Structures are given as structure tokens and as C-alpha cells.
């Protein structure tokens, strides 16, 4: 594989299409949500990074920036990091995570978190210096929304 270049995505259509294919079984995001993502990129609340080689998109990382009251500073959350199956184990994920960490450092963000759902992802992040946070348990709740 040629050199991997990671840059902020100038247009979200291609990165979102890759995420839709992998995370939503090809189902497109609702247009209102895609527009909210574009607005969030413009305001600097999120970054969408695209990894490319020879003009082809190989992977995507989505970073969200939020305030932490206890820390009195911003922190970052890796919301999604996805690499096409045919591009895995070739440095694409590492390039995306390195670029994400560099963007955080440029913003003076020293705390970056990620939630993983499988052992392979856990191993990937641990290999690159991420650690399980002691005493943290992630809980979630799905709320019933009123019909529109």
C-alpha cells in the first residue's frame, strides 16, 4: 500500500457513506442528522478525519469535543474509527488514531476516551497506549421518543 494520508474530510459525503455501509448496513443517515454533523464540523465540535491512499478512502475517524466540568477543560471522545476490511492491518487505523491524537494535542486536549465493543478493538487501542479506566462502567438507556 502506498503512503496513507489522513486529513480532515472537506466533504462528509464519502466518509459518511463508508460509515453507513459498515455501521448501518448501508442505510443512509437521516438528512437532518447528516446536516447536524456538517454544522458540528463547521463549529469545531467534531472532526471527521479521512484516511486515503492513492485517492481511495480507506478509513474514517470521528472525534467529538466536549467540556469536562471536573477537569475544567475539553476532552475528546473517539465516536467512530472504521477501516475498510481490505485495508486492515496495513497501518490505516494507526494513522487515523495518530492524527486524532495530534488534533487533540493541537487543541490542548490531554484526555481522549473511546468505548470498544470487542477484544480486537480493545487490543488495538491498548497497543497504542490507551488504558482501561479503573472504576468506569458505561451504562446506557434507550428512550422512547414521541412520534413526529
N, C-alpha and C. Protein backbone atom coordinates (compact mmCIF):
# COMPACT_ATOMS: atom_id res chain seq x y z
N UNK A 1 0.85 -1.18 0.00
CA UNK A 1 0.00 0.00 0.00
C UNK A 1 0.89 1.24 0.00
N UNK A 2 0.49 2.24 -0.77
CA UNK A 2 1.21 3.50 -0.81
C UNK A 2 1.03 4.23 0.50
N UNK A 3 1.64 5.38 0.60
CA UNK A 3 1.57 6.18 1.81
C UNK A 3 0.12 6.53 2.16
N UNK A 4 -0.17 6.50 3.46
CA UNK A 4 -1.51 6.82 3.96
C UNK A 4 -1.52 8.29 4.39
N UNK A 5 -2.48 9.03 3.87
CA UNK A 5 -2.63 10.43 4.23
C UNK A 5 -3.94 10.58 4.99
N UNK A 6 -3.86 11.22 6.17
CA UNK A 6 -5.05 11.46 6.97
C UNK A 6 -5.27 12.96 7.05
N UNK A 7 -6.45 13.39 6.65
CA UNK A 7 -6.80 14.81 6.66
C UNK A 7 -8.25 14.97 7.11
N UNK A 8 -8.57 16.18 7.58
CA UNK A 8 -10.00 16.45 7.84
C UNK A 8 -10.76 16.31 6.53
N UNK A 9 -11.91 15.68 6.60
CA UNK A 9 -12.70 15.47 5.39
C UNK A 9 -13.32 16.79 4.95
N UNK A 10 -12.98 17.26 3.73
CA UNK A 10 -13.54 18.53 3.25
C UNK A 10 -15.03 18.42 2.93
N UNK A 11 -15.45 17.21 2.61
CA UNK A 11 -16.86 16.94 2.29
C UNK A 11 -17.21 15.66 3.04
N UNK A 12 -18.32 15.64 3.74
CA UNK A 12 -18.67 14.49 4.56
C UNK A 12 -19.33 13.35 3.80
N UNK A 13 -19.71 13.56 2.56
CA UNK A 13 -20.46 12.54 1.82
C UNK A 13 -19.71 11.20 1.77
N UNK A 14 -18.47 11.21 1.37
CA UNK A 14 -17.73 9.95 1.23
C UNK A 14 -17.44 9.28 2.58
N UNK A 15 -16.95 10.02 3.60
CA UNK A 15 -16.76 9.37 4.90
C UNK A 15 -18.07 8.84 5.50
N UNK A 16 -19.14 9.60 5.37
CA UNK A 16 -20.42 9.13 5.92
C UNK A 16 -20.91 7.90 5.17
N UNK A 17 -20.68 7.85 3.88
CA UNK A 17 -21.08 6.69 3.08
C UNK A 17 -20.33 5.44 3.56
N UNK A 18 -19.05 5.58 3.86
CA UNK A 18 -18.27 4.45 4.36
C UNK A 18 -18.80 3.99 5.71
N UNK A 19 -19.11 4.94 6.59
CA UNK A 19 -19.66 4.59 7.90
C UNK A 19 -21.05 3.97 7.79
N UNK A 20 -21.86 4.51 6.89
CA UNK A 20 -23.20 3.95 6.68
C UNK A 20 -23.12 2.49 6.21
N UNK A 21 -22.19 2.23 5.31
CA UNK A 21 -22.05 0.87 4.77
C UNK A 21 -21.63 -0.10 5.86
N UNK A 22 -20.75 0.35 6.75
CA UNK A 22 -20.22 -0.57 7.76
C UNK A 22 -21.04 -0.62 9.04
N UNK A 23 -21.54 0.51 9.49
CA UNK A 23 -22.20 0.58 10.79
C UNK A 23 -23.71 0.56 10.72
N UNK A 24 -24.26 0.82 9.53
CA UNK A 24 -25.73 0.91 9.39
C UNK A 24 -26.24 -0.01 8.29
N UNK A 25 -25.44 -1.00 7.92
CA UNK A 25 -25.83 -1.95 6.86
C UNK A 25 -26.27 -1.24 5.59
N UNK A 26 -25.61 -0.13 5.28
CA UNK A 26 -25.90 0.60 4.05
C UNK A 26 -27.04 1.59 4.15
N UNK A 27 -27.73 1.62 5.27
CA UNK A 27 -28.86 2.55 5.42
C UNK A 27 -28.32 3.97 5.59
N UNK A 28 -28.75 4.89 4.74
CA UNK A 28 -28.26 6.27 4.86
C UNK A 28 -28.70 6.92 6.17
N UNK A 29 -27.87 7.81 6.64
CA UNK A 29 -28.23 8.61 7.81
C UNK A 29 -29.40 9.52 7.44
N UNK A 30 -30.28 9.81 8.37
CA UNK A 30 -31.32 10.81 8.08
C UNK A 30 -30.66 12.13 7.69
N UNK A 31 -31.20 12.80 6.70
CA UNK A 31 -30.59 14.05 6.21
C UNK A 31 -30.43 15.08 7.32
N UNK A 32 -31.40 15.16 8.23
CA UNK A 32 -31.30 16.14 9.32
C UNK A 32 -30.09 15.84 10.20
N UNK A 33 -29.80 14.54 10.41
CA UNK A 33 -28.63 14.18 11.22
C UNK A 33 -27.34 14.49 10.47
N UNK A 34 -27.29 14.17 9.18
CA UNK A 34 -26.11 14.49 8.37
C UNK A 34 -25.85 15.99 8.37
N UNK A 35 -26.92 16.78 8.29
CA UNK A 35 -26.76 18.25 8.35
C UNK A 35 -26.23 18.69 9.71
N UNK A 36 -26.70 18.06 10.77
CA UNK A 36 -26.21 18.38 12.11
C UNK A 36 -24.72 18.05 12.21
N UNK A 37 -24.31 16.97 11.60
CA UNK A 37 -22.88 16.64 11.60
C UNK A 37 -22.08 17.70 10.86
N UNK A 38 -22.58 18.14 9.70
CA UNK A 38 -21.87 19.19 8.94
C UNK A 38 -21.75 20.46 9.78
N UNK A 39 -22.84 20.84 10.46
CA UNK A 39 -22.82 22.02 11.32
C UNK A 39 -21.82 21.83 12.46
N UNK A 40 -21.77 20.64 13.04
CA UNK A 40 -20.85 20.37 14.15
C UNK A 40 -19.40 20.44 13.70
N UNK A 41 -19.12 20.02 12.47
CA UNK A 41 -17.77 20.16 11.92
C UNK A 41 -17.44 21.64 11.76
N UNK A 42 -18.38 22.40 11.21
CA UNK A 42 -18.15 23.84 10.99
C UNK A 42 -17.90 24.59 12.30
N UNK A 43 -18.60 24.21 13.37
CA UNK A 43 -18.42 24.90 14.65
C UNK A 43 -17.24 24.36 15.44
N UNK A 44 -16.63 23.28 14.97
CA UNK A 44 -15.47 22.73 15.67
C UNK A 44 -15.83 21.78 16.80
N UNK A 45 -17.09 21.37 16.88
CA UNK A 45 -17.50 20.44 17.94
C UNK A 45 -17.09 19.00 17.62
N UNK A 46 -16.94 18.71 16.34
CA UNK A 46 -16.43 17.40 15.93
C UNK A 46 -15.44 17.56 14.79
N UNK A 47 -14.62 16.56 14.62
CA UNK A 47 -13.74 16.44 13.46
C UNK A 47 -14.04 15.11 12.80
N UNK A 48 -14.07 15.10 11.48
CA UNK A 48 -14.19 13.87 10.71
C UNK A 48 -12.91 13.75 9.90
N UNK A 49 -12.12 12.73 10.21
CA UNK A 49 -10.84 12.52 9.54
C UNK A 49 -10.98 11.38 8.56
N UNK A 50 -10.38 11.54 7.40
CA UNK A 50 -10.42 10.51 6.36
C UNK A 50 -9.00 10.06 6.05
N UNK A 51 -8.80 8.75 6.03
CA UNK A 51 -7.52 8.17 5.63
C UNK A 51 -7.63 7.76 4.18
N UNK A 52 -6.65 8.19 3.39
CA UNK A 52 -6.67 7.89 1.96
C UNK A 52 -5.29 7.40 1.51
N UNK A 53 -5.35 6.61 0.45
CA UNK A 53 -4.15 6.20 -0.25
C UNK A 53 -4.52 6.10 -1.70
N UNK A 54 -3.73 6.69 -2.53
CA UNK A 54 -3.95 6.69 -3.98
C UNK A 54 -5.37 7.16 -4.32
N UNK A 55 -5.85 8.16 -3.58
CA UNK A 55 -7.15 8.75 -3.85
C UNK A 55 -8.34 7.99 -3.32
N UNK A 56 -8.11 6.79 -2.75
CA UNK A 56 -9.22 5.99 -2.23
C UNK A 56 -9.34 6.17 -0.73
N UNK A 57 -10.58 6.31 -0.25
CA UNK A 57 -10.81 6.40 1.18
C UNK A 57 -10.69 4.99 1.77
N UNK A 58 -9.87 4.89 2.82
CA UNK A 58 -9.61 3.60 3.45
C UNK A 58 -10.23 3.49 4.84
N UNK A 59 -10.40 4.66 5.47
CA UNK A 59 -10.92 4.65 6.83
C UNK A 59 -11.35 6.03 7.26
N UNK A 60 -12.09 6.05 8.38
CA UNK A 60 -12.66 7.29 8.90
C UNK A 60 -12.56 7.28 10.42
N UNK A 61 -12.30 8.44 10.98
CA UNK A 61 -12.38 8.62 12.43
C UNK A 61 -13.24 9.84 12.70
N UNK A 62 -14.12 9.73 13.69
CA UNK A 62 -14.97 10.85 14.11
C UNK A 62 -14.63 11.16 15.57
N UNK A 63 -14.20 12.40 15.80
CA UNK A 63 -13.86 12.87 17.14
C UNK A 63 -14.88 13.88 17.59
N UNK A 64 -15.33 13.78 18.83
CA UNK A 64 -16.23 14.78 19.41
C UNK A 64 -15.49 15.46 20.57
N UNK A 65 -15.65 16.76 20.65
CA UNK A 65 -15.00 17.55 21.71
C UNK A 65 -16.08 18.05 22.66
N UNK A 66 -15.84 17.80 23.96
CA UNK A 66 -16.83 18.20 24.96
C UNK A 66 -16.15 18.76 26.19
N UNK A 67 -16.89 19.59 26.93
CA UNK A 67 -16.31 20.10 28.18
C UNK A 67 -16.41 19.07 29.29
N UNK A 68 -15.40 19.06 30.14
CA UNK A 68 -15.41 18.23 31.34
C UNK A 68 -15.43 19.17 32.54
N UNK A 69 -16.52 19.17 33.27
CA UNK A 69 -16.63 20.05 34.44
C UNK A 69 -15.55 19.71 35.47
N UNK A 70 -15.36 18.42 35.85
CA UNK A 70 -14.34 18.13 36.86
C UNK A 70 -12.94 18.57 36.45
N UNK A 71 -12.60 18.41 35.17
CA UNK A 71 -11.27 18.79 34.70
C UNK A 71 -11.16 20.27 34.39
N UNK A 72 -12.29 20.92 34.16
CA UNK A 72 -12.24 22.33 33.77
C UNK A 72 -11.59 22.52 32.42
N UNK A 73 -11.77 21.56 31.54
CA UNK A 73 -11.14 21.61 30.22
C UNK A 73 -11.95 20.75 29.25
N UNK A 74 -11.60 20.86 27.98
CA UNK A 74 -12.21 19.99 26.98
C UNK A 74 -11.59 18.60 27.04
N UNK A 75 -12.38 17.62 26.65
CA UNK A 75 -11.84 16.29 26.41
C UNK A 75 -12.38 15.83 25.07
N UNK A 76 -11.80 14.77 24.55
CA UNK A 76 -12.23 14.25 23.25
C UNK A 76 -12.70 12.82 23.40
N UNK A 77 -13.66 12.49 22.57
CA UNK A 77 -14.18 11.13 22.52
C UNK A 77 -14.08 10.65 21.08
N UNK A 78 -13.49 9.48 20.89
CA UNK A 78 -13.46 8.89 19.56
C UNK A 78 -14.81 8.20 19.39
N UNK A 79 -15.67 8.81 18.59
CA UNK A 79 -17.02 8.30 18.40
C UNK A 79 -17.05 7.11 17.44
N UNK A 80 -16.26 7.19 16.41
CA UNK A 80 -16.15 6.10 15.44
C UNK A 80 -14.74 6.09 14.89
N UNK A 81 -14.22 4.91 14.69
CA UNK A 81 -12.97 4.72 13.95
C UNK A 81 -13.17 3.44 13.16
N UNK A 82 -13.22 3.59 11.86
CA UNK A 82 -13.52 2.44 11.00
C UNK A 82 -12.52 2.39 9.85
N UNK A 83 -12.04 1.17 9.59
CA UNK A 83 -11.14 0.92 8.47
C UNK A 83 -11.77 -0.17 7.60
N UNK A 84 -11.79 0.08 6.30
CA UNK A 84 -12.33 -0.93 5.38
C UNK A 84 -11.64 -2.27 5.62
N UNK A 85 -12.38 -3.37 5.56
CA UNK A 85 -11.78 -4.69 5.81
C UNK A 85 -10.55 -4.99 4.94
N UNK A 86 -10.57 -4.58 3.67
CA UNK A 86 -9.44 -4.87 2.79
C UNK A 86 -8.22 -4.00 3.07
N UNK A 87 -8.36 -3.02 3.97
CA UNK A 87 -7.25 -2.13 4.29
C UNK A 87 -6.74 -2.33 5.72
N UNK A 88 -7.30 -3.30 6.42
CA UNK A 88 -6.90 -3.53 7.82
C UNK A 88 -5.52 -4.17 7.89
N UNK A 89 -4.90 -3.93 9.03
CA UNK A 89 -3.55 -4.45 9.34
C UNK A 89 -2.49 -3.92 8.38
N UNK A 90 -2.74 -2.69 7.89
CA UNK A 90 -1.78 -2.05 6.99
C UNK A 90 -1.41 -0.65 7.48
N UNK A 91 -1.76 -0.34 8.73
CA UNK A 91 -1.38 0.95 9.31
C UNK A 91 -2.42 2.04 9.20
N UNK A 92 -3.57 1.74 8.62
CA UNK A 92 -4.60 2.78 8.43
C UNK A 92 -5.19 3.21 9.76
N UNK A 93 -5.56 2.25 10.60
CA UNK A 93 -6.11 2.59 11.91
C UNK A 93 -5.11 3.36 12.76
N UNK A 94 -3.86 2.93 12.72
CA UNK A 94 -2.81 3.62 13.48
C UNK A 94 -2.65 5.04 12.96
N UNK A 95 -2.69 5.22 11.64
CA UNK A 95 -2.57 6.57 11.07
C UNK A 95 -3.75 7.45 11.50
N UNK A 96 -4.96 6.88 11.50
CA UNK A 96 -6.13 7.65 11.93
C UNK A 96 -6.03 8.04 13.41
N UNK A 97 -5.64 7.08 14.25
CA UNK A 97 -5.55 7.36 15.68
C UNK A 97 -4.43 8.36 15.97
N UNK A 98 -3.32 8.24 15.28
CA UNK A 98 -2.22 9.20 15.45
C UNK A 98 -2.67 10.60 15.06
N UNK A 99 -3.37 10.71 13.94
CA UNK A 99 -3.87 12.02 13.50
C UNK A 99 -4.89 12.57 14.50
N UNK A 100 -5.74 11.71 15.02
CA UNK A 100 -6.72 12.15 16.03
C UNK A 100 -6.01 12.68 17.27
N UNK A 101 -5.00 11.95 17.73
CA UNK A 101 -4.25 12.39 18.90
C UNK A 101 -3.53 13.72 18.64
N UNK A 102 -3.01 13.89 17.43
CA UNK A 102 -2.34 15.15 17.08
C UNK A 102 -3.33 16.32 17.07
N UNK A 103 -4.55 16.09 16.57
CA UNK A 103 -5.57 17.15 16.56
C UNK A 103 -5.94 17.52 17.98
N UNK A 104 -6.03 16.52 18.85
CA UNK A 104 -6.34 16.81 20.26
C UNK A 104 -5.21 17.61 20.91
N UNK A 105 -3.99 17.21 20.69
CA UNK A 105 -2.85 17.93 21.27
C UNK A 105 -2.82 19.38 20.78
N UNK A 106 -3.14 19.60 19.51
CA UNK A 106 -3.17 20.97 18.96
C UNK A 106 -4.23 21.82 19.65
N UNK A 107 -5.29 21.19 20.14
CA UNK A 107 -6.35 21.90 20.87
C UNK A 107 -6.07 21.95 22.38
N UNK A 108 -4.91 21.43 22.77
CA UNK A 108 -4.53 21.37 24.19
C UNK A 108 -5.46 20.44 24.97
N UNK A 109 -5.90 19.38 24.32
CA UNK A 109 -6.73 18.35 24.95
C UNK A 109 -5.81 17.19 25.32
N UNK A 110 -5.78 16.86 26.59
CA UNK A 110 -4.88 15.80 27.04
C UNK A 110 -5.61 14.50 27.38
N UNK A 111 -6.94 14.52 27.38
CA UNK A 111 -7.70 13.33 27.72
C UNK A 111 -8.57 12.93 26.53
N UNK A 112 -8.36 11.71 26.06
CA UNK A 112 -9.11 11.17 24.93
C UNK A 112 -9.67 9.82 25.37
N UNK A 113 -10.97 9.63 25.15
CA UNK A 113 -11.58 8.36 25.52
C UNK A 113 -12.19 7.69 24.30
N UNK A 114 -12.37 6.37 24.44
CA UNK A 114 -13.01 5.58 23.40
C UNK A 114 -13.72 4.42 24.07
N UNK A 115 -14.86 4.06 23.55
CA UNK A 115 -15.57 2.85 24.01
C UNK A 115 -15.41 1.80 22.93
N UNK A 116 -15.09 0.59 23.34
CA UNK A 116 -14.91 -0.50 22.38
C UNK A 116 -15.92 -1.60 22.66
N UNK A 117 -16.20 -2.35 21.62
CA UNK A 117 -17.21 -3.41 21.73
C UNK A 117 -16.65 -4.81 21.55
N UNK A 118 -15.36 -4.91 21.23
CA UNK A 118 -14.81 -6.25 21.06
C UNK A 118 -13.33 -6.26 21.45
N UNK A 119 -12.80 -7.46 21.61
CA UNK A 119 -11.42 -7.64 22.07
C UNK A 119 -10.40 -7.13 21.04
N UNK A 120 -10.71 -7.27 19.76
CA UNK A 120 -9.77 -6.80 18.74
C UNK A 120 -9.59 -5.28 18.83
N UNK A 121 -10.69 -4.56 19.01
CA UNK A 121 -10.61 -3.10 19.15
C UNK A 121 -9.88 -2.73 20.44
N UNK A 122 -10.19 -3.45 21.52
CA UNK A 122 -9.51 -3.19 22.80
C UNK A 122 -8.00 -3.38 22.64
N UNK A 123 -7.60 -4.45 21.99
CA UNK A 123 -6.18 -4.72 21.76
C UNK A 123 -5.54 -3.61 20.92
N UNK A 124 -6.22 -3.18 19.86
CA UNK A 124 -5.72 -2.12 19.00
C UNK A 124 -5.41 -0.86 19.81
N UNK A 125 -6.38 -0.40 20.60
CA UNK A 125 -6.18 0.83 21.37
C UNK A 125 -5.13 0.65 22.45
N UNK A 126 -5.13 -0.49 23.13
CA UNK A 126 -4.13 -0.72 24.18
C UNK A 126 -2.72 -0.74 23.60
N UNK A 127 -2.58 -1.32 22.40
CA UNK A 127 -1.28 -1.34 21.74
C UNK A 127 -0.75 0.07 21.51
N UNK A 128 -1.65 1.02 21.34
CA UNK A 128 -1.26 2.40 21.04
C UNK A 128 -1.34 3.30 22.28
N UNK A 129 -1.34 2.69 23.46
CA UNK A 129 -1.20 3.47 24.70
C UNK A 129 -2.48 3.77 25.45
N UNK A 130 -3.61 3.34 24.96
CA UNK A 130 -4.86 3.56 25.69
C UNK A 130 -4.98 2.52 26.78
N UNK A 131 -5.59 2.91 27.89
CA UNK A 131 -5.73 2.01 29.03
C UNK A 131 -7.18 1.98 29.48
N UNK A 132 -7.57 0.85 30.07
CA UNK A 132 -8.90 0.77 30.63
C UNK A 132 -8.94 1.67 31.86
N UNK A 133 -10.00 2.44 31.96
CA UNK A 133 -10.12 3.37 33.07
C UNK A 133 -10.74 2.64 34.27
N UNK A 134 -10.00 2.64 35.35
CA UNK A 134 -10.46 1.95 36.56
C UNK A 134 -11.72 2.62 37.10
N UNK A 135 -12.66 1.79 37.51
CA UNK A 135 -13.85 2.31 38.16
C UNK A 135 -14.89 2.92 37.24
N UNK A 136 -14.71 2.79 35.94
CA UNK A 136 -15.67 3.37 35.00
C UNK A 136 -16.52 2.24 34.43
N UNK A 137 -17.79 2.43 34.50
CA UNK A 137 -18.75 1.49 33.94
C UNK A 137 -19.67 2.30 33.05
N UNK A 138 -19.81 1.92 31.81
CA UNK A 138 -20.68 2.64 30.89
C UNK A 138 -22.07 2.04 30.96
N UNK A 139 -23.04 2.88 31.22
CA UNK A 139 -24.44 2.49 31.25
C UNK A 139 -25.17 3.24 30.14
N UNK A 140 -26.22 2.67 29.62
CA UNK A 140 -26.99 3.36 28.59
C UNK A 140 -28.47 3.09 28.78
N UNK A 141 -29.27 3.92 28.15
CA UNK A 141 -30.72 3.80 28.24
C UNK A 141 -31.30 4.26 26.91
N UNK A 142 -32.18 3.49 26.35
CA UNK A 142 -32.88 3.89 25.13
C UNK A 142 -34.21 4.49 25.51
N UNK A 143 -34.44 5.72 25.14
CA UNK A 143 -35.67 6.44 25.49
C UNK A 143 -36.69 6.34 24.37
N UNK A 144 -37.92 6.18 24.74
CA UNK A 144 -39.00 6.21 23.75
C UNK A 144 -39.24 7.67 23.36
N UNK A 145 -39.21 7.95 22.09
CA UNK A 145 -39.41 9.32 21.60
C UNK A 145 -40.82 9.48 21.09
N UNK A 146 -41.39 10.67 21.30
CA UNK A 146 -42.73 10.90 20.77
C UNK A 146 -42.70 10.84 19.23
N UNK A 147 -43.78 10.35 18.66
CA UNK A 147 -43.85 10.26 17.21
C UNK A 147 -44.01 11.66 16.62
N UNK A 148 -43.38 11.86 15.47
CA UNK A 148 -43.42 13.19 14.83
C UNK A 148 -44.71 13.42 14.12
